[in-house]
């Protein structure tokens, strides 16, 4: 077998592997911005804290929430008709999402839970 044919075959195999990886790699991509984060509040104005999916915790101020999250939080507290229910026994939830972020609010045992997540634009 001549070296040109061997080299051509090697290039073809590498190109095929590159194409396969281009389609498979995004499946295994671990983007930290896409992780679900849980925020736990006793009251919208008094924050209990946030528990991140990574296990770290920090404090979160209602005033520093996005206007979308504040609006959802307020609606979940004030408007009992504006709720989503899932198939399980979980409590009522209100959910909002746009192109880059989602918010889910539920109320259970006098505690508000706000889940946020999404991928940055």
PDB file of N, CA and C in Angstrom:
ATOM      1  N   UNK A   1       0.853  -1.172   0.000  1.00  0.00           N
ATOM      2  CA  UNK A   1       0.000   0.000   0.000  1.00  0.00           C
ATOM      3  C   UNK A   1       0.894   1.229   0.000  1.00  0.00           C
ATOM      4  N   UNK A   2       0.579   2.196  -0.846  1.00  0.00           N
ATOM      5  CA  UNK A   2       1.467   3.351  -0.905  1.00  0.00           C
ATOM      6  C   UNK A   2       1.133   4.335   0.210  1.00  0.00           C
ATOM      7  N   UNK A   3       2.087   5.208   0.524  1.00  0.00           N
ATOM      8  CA  UNK A   3       1.957   6.121   1.662  1.00  0.00           C
ATOM      9  C   UNK A   3       0.878   7.177   1.429  1.00  0.00           C
ATOM     10  N   UNK A   4       0.652   7.575   0.166  1.00  0.00           N
ATOM     11  CA  UNK A   4      -0.389   8.571  -0.114  1.00  0.00           C
ATOM     12  C   UNK A   4      -1.775   8.014   0.206  1.00  0.00           C
ATOM     13  N   UNK A   5      -2.020   6.760  -0.143  1.00  0.00           N
ATOM     14  CA  UNK A   5      -3.316   6.147   0.138  1.00  0.00           C
ATOM     15  C   UNK A   5      -3.512   5.976   1.646  1.00  0.00           C
ATOM     16  N   UNK A   6      -2.438   5.582   2.335  1.00  0.00           N
ATOM     17  CA  UNK A   6      -2.506   5.422   3.783  1.00  0.00           C
ATOM     18  C   UNK A   6      -2.792   6.763   4.463  1.00  0.00           C
ATOM     19  N   UNK A   7      -2.089   7.795   4.015  1.00  0.00           N
ATOM     20  CA  UNK A   7      -2.298   9.140   4.573  1.00  0.00           C
ATOM     21  C   UNK A   7      -3.720   9.630   4.276  1.00  0.00           C
ATOM     22  N   UNK A   8      -4.202   9.401   3.059  1.00  0.00           N
ATOM     23  CA  UNK A   8      -5.563   9.800   2.690  1.00  0.00           C
ATOM     24  C   UNK A   8      -6.606   9.085   3.534  1.00  0.00           C
ATOM     25  N   UNK A   9      -6.393   7.804   3.782  1.00  0.00           N
ATOM     26  CA  UNK A   9      -7.317   7.039   4.626  1.00  0.00           C
ATOM     27  C   UNK A   9      -7.325   7.548   6.061  1.00  0.00           C
ATOM     28  N   UNK A  10      -6.144   7.886   6.572  1.00  0.00           N
ATOM     29  CA  UNK A  10      -6.037   8.421   7.929  1.00  0.00           C
ATOM     30  C   UNK A  10      -6.761   9.759   8.050  1.00  0.00           C
ATOM     31  N   UNK A  11      -6.596  10.622   7.058  1.00  0.00           N
ATOM     32  CA  UNK A  11      -7.278  11.921   7.053  1.00  0.00           C
ATOM     33  C   UNK A  11      -8.796  11.719   7.010  1.00  0.00           C
ATOM     34  N   UNK A  12      -9.259  10.781   6.200  1.00  0.00           N
ATOM     35  CA  UNK A  12     -10.694  10.517   6.102  1.00  0.00           C
ATOM     36  C   UNK A  12     -11.256  10.031   7.437  1.00  0.00           C
ATOM     37  N   UNK A  13     -10.530   9.146   8.111  1.00  0.00           N
ATOM     38  CA  UNK A  13     -10.973   8.638   9.412  1.00  0.00           C
ATOM     39  C   UNK A  13     -11.025   9.773  10.435  1.00  0.00           C
ATOM     40  N   UNK A  14      -9.997  10.620  10.449  1.00  0.00           N
ATOM     41  CA  UNK A  14      -9.976  11.743  11.391  1.00  0.00           C
ATOM     42  C   UNK A  14     -11.110  12.725  11.123  1.00  0.00           C
ATOM     43  N   UNK A  15     -11.412  12.978   9.868  1.00  0.00           N
ATOM     44  CA  UNK A  15     -12.532  13.862   9.533  1.00  0.00           C
ATOM     45  C   UNK A  15     -13.859  13.273  10.005  1.00  0.00           C
ATOM     46  N   UNK A  16     -14.027  11.970   9.804  1.00  0.00           N
ATOM     47  CA  UNK A  16     -15.256  11.317  10.260  1.00  0.00           C
ATOM     48  C   UNK A  16     -15.383  11.382  11.781  1.00  0.00           C
ATOM     49  N   UNK A  17     -14.277  11.134  12.492  1.00  0.00           N
ATOM     50  CA  UNK A  17     -14.308  11.221  13.950  1.00  0.00           C
ATOM     51  C   UNK A  17     -14.634  12.642  14.407  1.00  0.00           C
ATOM     52  N   UNK A  18     -14.082  13.627  13.718  1.00  0.00           N
ATOM     53  CA  UNK A  18     -14.373  15.021  14.050  1.00  0.00           C
ATOM     54  C   UNK A  18     -15.841  15.350  13.884  1.00  0.00           C
ATOM     55  N   UNK A  19     -16.435  14.875  12.800  1.00  0.00           N
ATOM     56  CA  UNK A  19     -17.863  15.115  12.576  1.00  0.00           C
ATOM     57  C   UNK A  19     -18.717  14.430  13.638  1.00  0.00           C
ATOM     58  N   UNK A  20     -18.355  13.202  13.995  1.00  0.00           N
ATOM     59  CA  UNK A  20     -19.104  12.479  15.020  1.00  0.00           C
ATOM     60  C   UNK A  20     -19.013  13.218  16.352  1.00  0.00           C
ATOM     61  N   UNK A  21     -17.825  13.668  16.728  1.00  0.00           N
ATOM     62  CA  UNK A  21     -17.651  14.383  17.991  1.00  0.00           C
ATOM     63  C   UNK A  21     -18.400  15.711  17.996  1.00  0.00           C
ATOM     64  N   UNK A  22     -18.498  16.339  16.844  1.00  0.00           N
ATOM     65  CA  UNK A  22     -19.199  17.615  16.756  1.00  0.00           C
ATOM     66  C   UNK A  22     -20.676  17.441  17.124  1.00  0.00           C
ATOM     67  N   UNK A  23     -21.252  16.300  16.814  1.00  0.00           N
ATOM     68  CA  UNK A  23     -22.661  16.064  17.115  1.00  0.00           C
ATOM     69  C   UNK A  23     -22.877  15.419  18.484  1.00  0.00           C
ATOM     70  N   UNK A  24     -21.896  14.668  18.973  1.00  0.00           N
ATOM     71  CA  UNK A  24     -22.041  13.978  20.252  1.00  0.00           C
ATOM     72  C   UNK A  24     -21.639  14.865  21.426  1.00  0.00           C
ATOM     73  N   UNK A  25     -20.622  15.688  21.279  1.00  0.00           N
ATOM     74  CA  UNK A  25     -20.097  16.485  22.390  1.00  0.00           C
ATOM     75  C   UNK A  25     -21.152  17.346  23.077  1.00  0.00           C
ATOM     76  N   UNK A  26     -22.053  18.020  22.353  1.00  0.00           N
ATOM     77  CA  UNK A  26     -23.043  18.847  23.062  1.00  0.00           C
ATOM     78  C   UNK A  26     -23.954  18.058  23.996  1.00  0.00           C
ATOM     79  N   UNK A  27     -24.118  16.775  23.748  1.00  0.00           N
ATOM     80  CA  UNK A  27     -24.952  15.949  24.617  1.00  0.00           C
ATOM     81  C   UNK A  27     -24.343  15.855  26.007  1.00  0.00           C
ATOM     82  N   UNK A  28     -23.002  15.816  26.076  1.00  0.00           N
ATOM     83  CA  UNK A  28     -22.303  15.649  27.341  1.00  0.00           C
ATOM     84  C   UNK A  28     -21.773  16.960  27.891  1.00  0.00           C
ATOM     85  N   UNK A  29     -22.104  18.063  27.276  1.00  0.00           N
ATOM     86  CA  UNK A  29     -21.618  19.367  27.702  1.00  0.00           C
ATOM     87  C   UNK A  29     -22.223  19.731  29.050  1.00  0.00           C
ATOM     88  N   UNK A  30     -21.372  20.043  30.026  1.00  0.00           N
ATOM     89  CA  UNK A  30     -21.836  20.408  31.370  1.00  0.00           C
ATOM     90  C   UNK A  30     -21.682  21.907  31.537  1.00  0.00           C
ATOM     91  N   UNK A  31     -22.707  22.636  31.196  1.00  0.00           N
ATOM     92  CA  UNK A  31     -22.682  24.088  31.298  1.00  0.00           C
ATOM     93  C   UNK A  31     -23.221  24.493  32.663  1.00  0.00           C
ATOM     94  N   UNK A  32     -22.365  25.102  33.497  1.00  0.00           N
ATOM     95  CA  UNK A  32     -22.771  25.471  34.852  1.00  0.00           C
ATOM     96  C   UNK A  32     -23.956  26.425  34.847  1.00  0.00           C
ATOM     97  N   UNK A  33     -24.099  27.245  33.806  1.00  0.00           N
ATOM     98  CA  UNK A  33     -25.208  28.189  33.747  1.00  0.00           C
ATOM     99  C   UNK A  33     -26.550  27.490  33.561  1.00  0.00           C
ATOM    100  N   UNK A  34     -26.526  26.214  33.186  1.00  0.00           N
ATOM    101  CA  UNK A  34     -27.777  25.506  32.917  1.00  0.00           C
ATOM    102  C   UNK A  34     -28.243  24.688  34.111  1.00  0.00           C
ATOM    103  N   UNK A  35     -27.526  24.729  35.211  1.00  0.00           N
ATOM    104  CA  UNK A  35     -27.924  23.937  36.367  1.00  0.00           C
ATOM    105  C   UNK A  35     -29.108  24.564  37.073  1.00  0.00           C
ATOM    106  N   UNK A  36     -29.923  23.727  37.651  1.00  0.00           N
ATOM    107  CA  UNK A  36     -31.089  24.197  38.397  1.00  0.00           C
ATOM    108  C   UNK A  36     -30.625  24.652  39.779  1.00  0.00           C
ATOM    109  N   UNK A  37     -31.128  25.768  40.220  1.00  0.00           N
ATOM    110  CA  UNK A  37     -30.759  26.338  41.505  1.00  0.00           C
ATOM    111  C   UNK A  37     -32.011  26.502  42.349  1.00  0.00           C
ATOM    112  N   UNK A  38     -31.926  26.167  43.616  1.00  0.00           N
ATOM    113  CA  UNK A  38     -33.077  26.281  44.502  1.00  0.00           C
ATOM    114  C   UNK A  38     -32.873  27.436  45.466  1.00  0.00           C
ATOM    115  N   UNK A  39     -33.844  28.312  45.543  1.00  0.00           N
ATOM    116  CA  UNK A  39     -33.824  29.439  46.466  1.00  0.00           C
ATOM    117  C   UNK A  39     -34.960  29.228  47.459  1.00  0.00           C
ATOM    118  N   UNK A  40     -34.678  29.282  48.739  1.00  0.00           N
ATOM    119  CA  UNK A  40     -35.696  29.044  49.754  1.00  0.00           C
ATOM    120  C   UNK A  40     -35.914  30.325  50.540  1.00  0.00           C
ATOM    121  N   UNK A  41     -37.161  30.741  50.661  1.00  0.00           N
ATOM    122  CA  UNK A  41     -37.505  31.995  51.325  1.00  0.00           C
ATOM    123  C   UNK A  41     -38.600  31.758  52.347  1.00  0.00           C
ATOM    124  N   UNK A  42     -38.468  32.373  53.505  1.00  0.00           N
ATOM    125  CA  UNK A  42     -39.566  32.403  54.463  1.00  0.00           C
ATOM    126  C   UNK A  42     -40.576  33.461  54.036  1.00  0.00           C
ATOM    127  N   UNK A  43     -40.099  34.523  53.442  1.00  0.00           N
ATOM    128  CA  UNK A  43     -40.938  35.631  52.999  1.00  0.00           C
ATOM    129  C   UNK A  43     -40.205  36.311  51.847  1.00  0.00           C
ATOM    130  N   UNK A  44     -40.897  36.855  50.890  1.00  0.00           N
ATOM    131  CA  UNK A  44     -40.203  37.503  49.783  1.00  0.00           C
ATOM    132  C   UNK A  44     -39.245  38.607  50.222  1.00  0.00           C
ATOM    133  N   UNK A  45     -39.542  39.259  51.338  1.00  0.00           N
ATOM    134  CA  UNK A  45     -38.679  40.348  51.785  1.00  0.00           C
ATOM    135  C   UNK A  45     -37.641  39.912  52.811  1.00  0.00           C
ATOM    136  N   UNK A  46     -37.794  38.732  53.364  1.00  0.00           N
ATOM    137  CA  UNK A  46     -36.824  38.213  54.328  1.00  0.00           C
ATOM    138  C   UNK A  46     -36.310  36.886  53.811  1.00  0.00           C
ATOM    139  N   UNK A  47     -35.041  36.862  53.481  1.00  0.00           N
ATOM    140  CA  UNK A  47     -34.496  35.698  52.795  1.00  0.00           C
ATOM    141  C   UNK A  47     -33.912  34.703  53.777  1.00  0.00           C
ATOM    142  N   UNK A  48     -34.286  33.451  53.592  1.00  0.00           N
ATOM    143  CA  UNK A  48     -33.688  32.381  54.380  1.00  0.00           C
ATOM    144  C   UNK A  48     -32.324  32.015  53.794  1.00  0.00           C
ATOM    145  N   UNK A  49     -32.226  31.944  52.480  1.00  0.00           N
ATOM    146  CA  UNK A  49     -30.956  31.621  51.839  1.00  0.00           C
ATOM    147  C   UNK A  49     -31.170  30.926  50.521  1.00  0.00           C
ATOM    148  N   UNK A  50     -30.078  30.585  49.882  1.00  0.00           N
ATOM    149  CA  UNK A  50     -30.127  29.856  48.617  1.00  0.00           C
ATOM    150  C   UNK A  50     -29.272  28.618  48.763  1.00  0.00           C
ATOM    151  N   UNK A  51     -29.736  27.516  48.245  1.00  0.00           N
ATOM    152  CA  UNK A  51     -28.956  26.292  48.219  1.00  0.00           C
ATOM    153  C   UNK A  51     -28.706  25.924  46.768  1.00  0.00           C
ATOM    154  N   UNK A  52     -27.475  26.100  46.306  1.00  0.00           N
ATOM    155  CA  UNK A  52     -27.152  25.818  44.914  1.00  0.00           C
ATOM    156  C   UNK A  52     -27.005  24.316  44.699  1.00  0.00           C
ATOM    157  N   UNK A  53     -27.191  23.888  43.473  1.00  0.00           N
ATOM    158  CA  UNK A  53     -27.080  22.470  43.158  1.00  0.00           C
ATOM    159  C   UNK A  53     -25.675  21.948  43.408  1.00  0.00           C
ATOM    160  N   UNK A  54     -24.676  22.844  43.421  1.00  0.00           N
ATOM    161  CA  UNK A  54     -23.302  22.423  43.657  1.00  0.00           C
ATOM    162  C   UNK A  54     -23.041  22.186  45.142  1.00  0.00           C
ATOM    163  N   UNK A  55     -24.004  22.549  46.001  1.00  0.00           N
ATOM    164  CA  UNK A  55     -23.824  22.363  47.432  1.00  0.00           C
ATOM    165  C   UNK A  55     -23.396  23.633  48.141  1.00  0.00           C
ATOM    166  N   UNK A  56     -23.019  24.660  47.415  1.00  0.00           N
ATOM    167  CA  UNK A  56     -22.648  25.923  48.039  1.00  0.00           C
ATOM    168  C   UNK A  56     -23.908  26.668  48.453  1.00  0.00           C
ATOM    169  N   UNK A  57     -23.783  27.527  49.434  1.00  0.00           N
ATOM    170  CA  UNK A  57     -24.939  28.344  49.808  1.00  0.00           C
ATOM    171  C   UNK A  57     -24.502  29.789  49.980  1.00  0.00           C
ATOM    172  N   UNK A  58     -25.434  30.671  49.781  1.00  0.00           N
ATOM    173  CA  UNK A  58     -25.178  32.094  49.929  1.00  0.00           C
ATOM    174  C   UNK A  58     -26.499  32.761  50.266  1.00  0.00           C
ATOM    175  N   UNK A  59     -26.503  34.054  50.431  1.00  0.00           N
ATOM    176  CA  UNK A  59     -27.741  34.766  50.736  1.00  0.00           C
ATOM    177  C   UNK A  59     -28.207  35.531  49.517  1.00  0.00           C
ATOM    178  N   UNK A  60     -29.482  35.715  49.431  1.00  0.00           N
ATOM    179  CA  UNK A  60     -30.092  36.337  48.264  1.00  0.00           C
ATOM    180  C   UNK A  60     -31.100  37.354  48.744  1.00  0.00           C
ATOM    181  N   UNK A  61     -31.073  38.530  48.181  1.00  0.00           N
ATOM    182  CA  UNK A  61     -31.950  39.611  48.591  1.00  0.00           C
ATOM    183  C   UNK A  61     -33.079  39.767  47.585  1.00  0.00           C
ATOM    184  N   UNK A  62     -34.295  39.880  48.072  1.00  0.00           N
ATOM    185  CA  UNK A  62     -35.447  40.071  47.189  1.00  0.00           C
ATOM    186  C   UNK A  62     -35.226  41.264  46.267  1.00  0.00           C
ATOM    187  N   UNK A  63     -34.627  42.324  46.782  1.00  0.00           N
ATOM    188  CA  UNK A  63     -34.384  43.525  45.974  1.00  0.00           C
ATOM    189  C   UNK A  63     -33.423  43.251  44.823  1.00  0.00           C
ATOM    190  N   UNK A  64     -32.608  42.218  44.946  1.00  0.00           N
ATOM    191  CA  UNK A  64     -31.645  41.891  43.891  1.00  0.00           C
ATOM    192  C   UNK A  64     -32.173  40.867  42.897  1.00  0.00           C
ATOM    193  N   UNK A  65     -33.403  40.388  43.117  1.00  0.00           N
ATOM    194  CA  UNK A  65     -33.991  39.467  42.156  1.00  0.00           C
ATOM    195  C   UNK A  65     -34.316  40.233  40.887  1.00  0.00           C
ATOM    196  N   UNK A  66     -34.340  39.542  39.768  1.00  0.00           N
ATOM    197  CA  UNK A  66     -34.753  40.198  38.530  1.00  0.00           C
ATOM    198  C   UNK A  66     -36.209  40.629  38.669  1.00  0.00           C
ATOM    199  N   UNK A  67     -36.622  41.576  37.872  1.00  0.00           N
ATOM    200  CA  UNK A  67     -38.013  42.036  37.943  1.00  0.00           C
ATOM    201  C   UNK A  67     -38.976  40.901  37.602  1.00  0.00           C
ATOM    202  N   UNK A  68     -38.568  40.006  36.686  1.00  0.00           N
ATOM    203  CA  UNK A  68     -39.408  38.845  36.369  1.00  0.00           C
ATOM    204  C   UNK A  68     -39.597  37.964  37.599  1.00  0.00           C
ATOM    205  N   UNK A  69     -38.503  37.681  38.302  1.00  0.00           N
ATOM    206  CA  UNK A  69     -38.589  36.821  39.480  1.00  0.00           C
ATOM    207  C   UNK A  69     -39.409  37.489  40.580  1.00  0.00           C
ATOM    208  N   UNK A  70     -39.233  38.789  40.773  1.00  0.00           N
ATOM    209  CA  UNK A  70     -40.033  39.505  41.774  1.00  0.00           C
ATOM    210  C   UNK A  70     -41.517  39.427  41.436  1.00  0.00           C
ATOM    211  N   UNK A  71     -41.835  39.641  40.181  1.00  0.00           N
ATOM    212  CA  UNK A  71     -43.229  39.605  39.745  1.00  0.00           C
ATOM    213  C   UNK A  71     -43.839  38.226  39.978  1.00  0.00           C
ATOM    214  N   UNK A  72     -43.094  37.195  39.643  1.00  0.00           N
ATOM    215  CA  UNK A  72     -43.571  35.831  39.835  1.00  0.00           C
ATOM    216  C   UNK A  72     -43.762  35.538  41.314  1.00  0.00           C
ATOM    217  N   UNK A  73     -42.793  35.974  42.102  1.00  0.00           N
ATOM    218  CA  UNK A  73     -42.871  35.752  43.534  1.00  0.00           C
ATOM    219  C   UNK A  73     -44.114  36.420  44.106  1.00  0.00           C
ATOM    220  N   UNK A  74     -44.353  37.658  43.711  1.00  0.00           N
ATOM    221  CA  UNK A  74     -45.518  38.402  44.201  1.00  0.00           C
ATOM    222  C   UNK A  74     -46.822  37.763  43.739  1.00  0.00           C
ATOM    223  N   UNK A  75     -46.875  37.343  42.484  1.00  0.00           N
ATOM    224  CA  UNK A  75     -48.093  36.703  41.974  1.00  0.00           C
ATOM    225  C   UNK A  75     -48.361  35.387  42.679  1.00  0.00           C
ATOM    226  N   UNK A  76     -47.303  34.625  42.912  1.00  0.00           N
ATOM    227  CA  UNK A  76     -47.484  33.342  43.589  1.00  0.00           C
ATOM    228  C   UNK A  76     -48.039  33.557  44.985  1.00  0.00           C
ATOM    229  N   UNK A  77     -47.646  34.644  45.625  1.00  0.00           N
ATOM    230  CA  UNK A  77     -48.118  34.932  46.974  1.00  0.00           C
ATOM    231  C   UNK A  77     -49.543  35.482  46.961  1.00  0.00           C
ATOM    232  N   UNK A  78     -49.854  36.330  45.985  1.00  0.00           N
ATOM    233  CA  UNK A  78     -51.105  37.083  46.018  1.00  0.00           C
ATOM    234  C   UNK A  78     -52.236  36.493  45.180  1.00  0.00           C
ATOM    235  N   UNK A  79     -51.921  35.754  44.148  1.00  0.00           N
ATOM    236  CA  UNK A  79     -52.947  35.331  43.206  1.00  0.00           C
ATOM    237  C   UNK A  79     -53.073  33.814  43.196  1.00  0.00           C
ATOM    238  N   UNK A  80     -53.999  33.302  43.990  1.00  0.00           N
ATOM    239  CA  UNK A  80     -54.155  31.856  44.093  1.00  0.00           C
ATOM    240  C   UNK A  80     -54.655  31.205  42.821  1.00  0.00           C
ATOM    241  N   UNK A  81     -55.192  31.989  41.872  1.00  0.00           N
ATOM    242  CA  UNK A  81     -55.694  31.412  40.630  1.00  0.00           C
ATOM    243  C   UNK A  81     -54.610  31.249  39.573  1.00  0.00           C
ATOM    244  N   UNK A  82     -53.465  31.862  39.788  1.00  0.00           N
ATOM    245  CA  UNK A  82     -52.407  31.845  38.784  1.00  0.00           C
ATOM    246  C   UNK A  82     -51.384  30.792  39.174  1.00  0.00           C
ATOM    247  N   UNK A  83     -51.727  29.517  38.951  1.00  0.00           N
ATOM    248  CA  UNK A  83     -50.875  28.424  39.383  1.00  0.00           C
ATOM    249  C   UNK A  83     -50.819  27.333  38.324  1.00  0.00           C
ATOM    250  N   UNK A  84     -49.738  26.588  38.371  1.00  0.00           N
ATOM    251  CA  UNK A  84     -49.618  25.388  37.559  1.00  0.00           C
ATOM    252  C   UNK A  84     -49.554  24.201  38.505  1.00  0.00           C
ATOM    253  N   UNK A  85     -50.103  23.077  38.084  1.00  0.00           N
ATOM    254  CA  UNK A  85     -50.035  21.862  38.876  1.00  0.00           C
ATOM    255  C   UNK A  85     -49.372  20.783  38.029  1.00  0.00           C
ATOM    256  N   UNK A  86     -48.541  19.972  38.688  1.00  0.00           N
ATOM    257  CA  UNK A  86     -47.990  18.848  37.938  1.00  0.00           C
ATOM    258  C   UNK A  86     -48.713  17.571  38.359  1.00  0.00           C
ATOM    259  N   UNK A  87     -48.294  16.445  37.828  1.00  0.00           N
ATOM    260  CA  UNK A  87     -49.033  15.197  38.030  1.00  0.00           C
ATOM    261  C   UNK A  87     -48.801  14.587  39.407  1.00  0.00           C
ATOM    262  N   UNK A  88     -47.791  15.060  40.129  1.00  0.00           N
ATOM    263  CA  UNK A  88     -47.495  14.477  41.439  1.00  0.00           C
ATOM    264  C   UNK A  88     -48.310  15.172  42.526  1.00  0.00           C
ATOM    265  N   UNK A  89     -47.965  14.899  43.768  1.00  0.00           N
ATOM    266  CA  UNK A  89     -48.647  15.520  44.903  1.00  0.00           C
ATOM    267  C   UNK A  89     -47.967  16.815  45.337  1.00  0.00           C
ATOM    268  N   UNK A  90     -47.117  17.362  44.506  1.00  0.00           N
ATOM    269  CA  UNK A  90     -46.427  18.598  44.859  1.00  0.00           C
ATOM    270  C   UNK A  90     -47.428  19.731  45.020  1.00  0.00           C
ATOM    271  N   UNK A  91     -47.052  20.765  45.764  1.00  0.00           N
ATOM    272  CA  UNK A  91     -47.967  21.892  45.969  1.00  0.00           C
ATOM    273  C   UNK A  91     -48.137  22.712  44.698  1.00  0.00           C
ATOM    274  N   UNK A  92     -49.095  23.646  44.698  1.00  0.00           N
ATOM    275  CA  UNK A  92     -49.288  24.500  43.526  1.00  0.00           C
ATOM    276  C   UNK A  92     -48.002  25.229  43.153  1.00  0.00           C
ATOM    277  N   UNK A  93     -47.801  25.417  41.876  1.00  0.00           N
ATOM    278  CA  UNK A  93     -46.615  26.113  41.387  1.00  0.00           C
ATOM    279  C   UNK A  93     -47.018  27.165  40.374  1.00  0.00           C
ATOM    280  N   UNK A  94     -46.211  28.201  40.306  1.00  0.00           N
ATOM    281  CA  UNK A  94     -46.334  29.180  39.244  1.00  0.00           C
ATOM    282  C   UNK A  94     -45.040  29.145  38.464  1.00  0.00           C
ATOM    283  N   UNK A  95     -45.111  29.152  37.150  1.00  0.00           N
ATOM    284  CA  UNK A  95     -43.902  29.021  36.346  1.00  0.00           C
ATOM    285  C   UNK A  95     -43.873  30.055  35.240  1.00  0.00           C
ATOM    286  N   UNK A  96     -42.681  30.579  34.992  1.00  0.00           N
ATOM    287  CA  UNK A  96     -42.469  31.546  33.925  1.00  0.00           C
ATOM    288  C   UNK A  96     -41.152  31.214  33.262  1.00  0.00           C
ATOM    289  N   UNK A  97     -41.065  31.385  31.965  1.00  0.00           N
ATOM    290  CA  UNK A  97     -39.767  31.226  31.306  1.00  0.00           C
ATOM    291  C   UNK A  97     -39.709  32.121  30.084  1.00  0.00           C
ATOM    292  N   UNK A  98     -38.485  32.505  29.755  1.00  0.00           N
ATOM    293  CA  UNK A  98     -38.261  33.232  28.512  1.00  0.00           C
ATOM    294  C   UNK A  98     -37.167  32.496  27.747  1.00  0.00           C
ATOM    295  N   UNK A  99     -36.494  33.165  26.841  1.00  0.00           N
ATOM    296  CA  UNK A  99     -35.525  32.482  25.976  1.00  0.00           C
ATOM    297  C   UNK A  99     -34.309  31.968  26.738  1.00  0.00           C
ATOM    298  N   UNK A 100     -33.945  32.599  27.852  1.00  0.00           N
ATOM    299  CA  UNK A 100     -32.697  32.231  28.516  1.00  0.00           C
ATOM    300  C   UNK A 100     -32.850  31.826  29.973  1.00  0.00           C
ATOM    301  N   UNK A 101     -34.020  31.980  30.568  1.00  0.00           N
ATOM    302  CA  UNK A 101     -34.152  31.739  31.997  1.00  0.00           C
ATOM    303  C   UNK A 101     -35.528  31.156  32.303  1.00  0.00           C
ATOM    304  N   UNK A 102     -35.604  30.301  33.321  1.00  0.00           N
ATOM    305  CA  UNK A 102     -36.912  29.862  33.784  1.00  0.00           C
ATOM    306  C   UNK A 102     -37.007  30.091  35.288  1.00  0.00           C
ATOM    307  N   UNK A 103     -38.217  30.292  35.766  1.00  0.00           N
ATOM    308  CA  UNK A 103     -38.493  30.485  37.181  1.00  0.00           C
ATOM    309  C   UNK A 103     -39.692  29.616  37.548  1.00  0.00           C
ATOM    310  N   UNK A 104     -39.601  28.930  38.666  1.00  0.00           N
ATOM    311  CA  UNK A 104     -40.740  28.181  39.186  1.00  0.00           C
ATOM    312  C   UNK A 104     -40.881  28.534  40.660  1.00  0.00           C
ATOM    313  N   UNK A 105     -42.071  28.931  41.067  1.00  0.00           N
ATOM    314  CA  UNK A 105     -42.319  29.292  42.458  1.00  0.00           C
ATOM    315  C   UNK A 105     -43.372  28.356  43.025  1.00  0.00           C
ATOM    316  N   UNK A 106     -43.115  27.817  44.215  1.00  0.00           N
ATOM    317  CA  UNK A 106     -44.146  27.062  44.921  1.00  0.00           C
ATOM    318  C   UNK A 106     -44.170  27.524  46.372  1.00  0.00           C
ATOM    319  N   UNK A 107     -45.253  27.223  47.045  1.00  0.00           N
ATOM    320  CA  UNK A 107     -45.441  27.631  48.430  1.00  0.00           C
ATOM    321  C   UNK A 107     -45.825  26.398  49.225  1.00  0.00           C
ATOM    322  N   UNK A 108     -45.060  26.104  50.264  1.00  0.00           N
ATOM    323  CA  UNK A 108     -45.277  24.885  51.036  1.00  0.00           C
ATOM    324  C   UNK A 108     -44.898  25.149  52.491  1.00  0.00           C
ATOM    325  N   UNK A 109     -45.771  24.863  53.408  1.00  0.00           N
ATOM    326  CA  UNK A 109     -45.484  25.024  54.838  1.00  0.00           C
ATOM    327  C   UNK A 109     -44.963  26.418  55.181  1.00  0.00           C
ATOM    328  N   UNK A 110     -45.649  27.426  54.694  1.00  0.00           N
ATOM    329  CA  UNK A 110     -45.286  28.824  54.951  1.00  0.00           C
ATOM    330  C   UNK A 110     -43.908  29.196  54.422  1.00  0.00           C
ATOM    331  N   UNK A 111     -43.411  28.452  53.446  1.00  0.00           N
ATOM    332  CA  UNK A 111     -42.114  28.756  52.848  1.00  0.00           C
ATOM    333  C   UNK A 111     -42.275  28.855  51.344  1.00  0.00           C
ATOM    334  N   UNK A 112     -41.681  29.869  50.747  1.00  0.00           N
ATOM    335  CA  UNK A 112     -41.669  30.015  49.296  1.00  0.00           C
ATOM    336  C   UNK A 112     -40.423  29.343  48.752  1.00  0.00           C
ATOM    337  N   UNK A 113     -40.574  28.639  47.655  1.00  0.00           N
ATOM    338  CA  UNK A 113     -39.446  28.024  46.969  1.00  0.00           C
ATOM    339  C   UNK A 113     -39.397  28.592  45.566  1.00  0.00           C
ATOM    340  N   UNK A 114     -38.271  29.134  45.194  1.00  0.00           N
ATOM    341  CA  UNK A 114     -38.088  29.673  43.847  1.00  0.00           C
ATOM    342  C   UNK A 114     -36.962  28.907  43.186  1.00  0.00           C
ATOM    343  N   UNK A 115     -37.269  28.188  42.112  1.00  0.00           N
ATOM    344  CA  UNK A 115     -36.254  27.490  41.333  1.00  0.00           C
ATOM    345  C   UNK A 115     -35.958  28.324  40.103  1.00  0.00           C
ATOM    346  N   UNK A 116     -34.692  28.558  39.851  1.00  0.00           N
ATOM    347  CA  UNK A 116     -34.310  29.280  38.644  1.00  0.00           C
ATOM    348  C   UNK A 116     -33.281  28.461  37.890  1.00  0.00           C
ATOM    349  N   UNK A 117     -33.187  28.700  36.626  1.00  0.00           N
ATOM    350  CA  UNK A 117     -32.193  28.022  35.820  1.00  0.00           C
ATOM    351  C   UNK A 117     -32.247  28.542  34.409  1.00  0.00           C
ATOM    352  N   UNK A 118     -31.396  28.005  33.579  1.00  0.00           N
ATOM    353  CA  UNK A 118     -31.369  28.420  32.191  1.00  0.00           C
ATOM    354  C   UNK A 118     -29.945  28.571  31.712  1.00  0.00           C
ATOM    355  N   UNK A 119     -29.808  28.899  30.471  1.00  0.00           N
ATOM    356  CA  UNK A 119     -28.492  29.076  29.868  1.00  0.00           C
ATOM    357  C   UNK A 119     -28.344  30.522  29.449  1.00  0.00           C
ATOM    358  N   UNK A 120     -27.194  31.100  29.721  1.00  0.00           N
ATOM    359  CA  UNK A 120     -26.943  32.479  29.329  1.00  0.00           C
ATOM    360  C   UNK A 120     -27.017  32.649  27.827  1.00  0.00           C
ATOM    361  N   UNK A 121     -27.402  33.836  27.431  1.00  0.00           N
ATOM    362  CA  UNK A 121     -27.541  34.116  25.993  1.00  0.00           C
ATOM    363  C   UNK A 121     -26.194  34.204  25.327  1.00  0.00           C
TER     364      UNK A 121
END
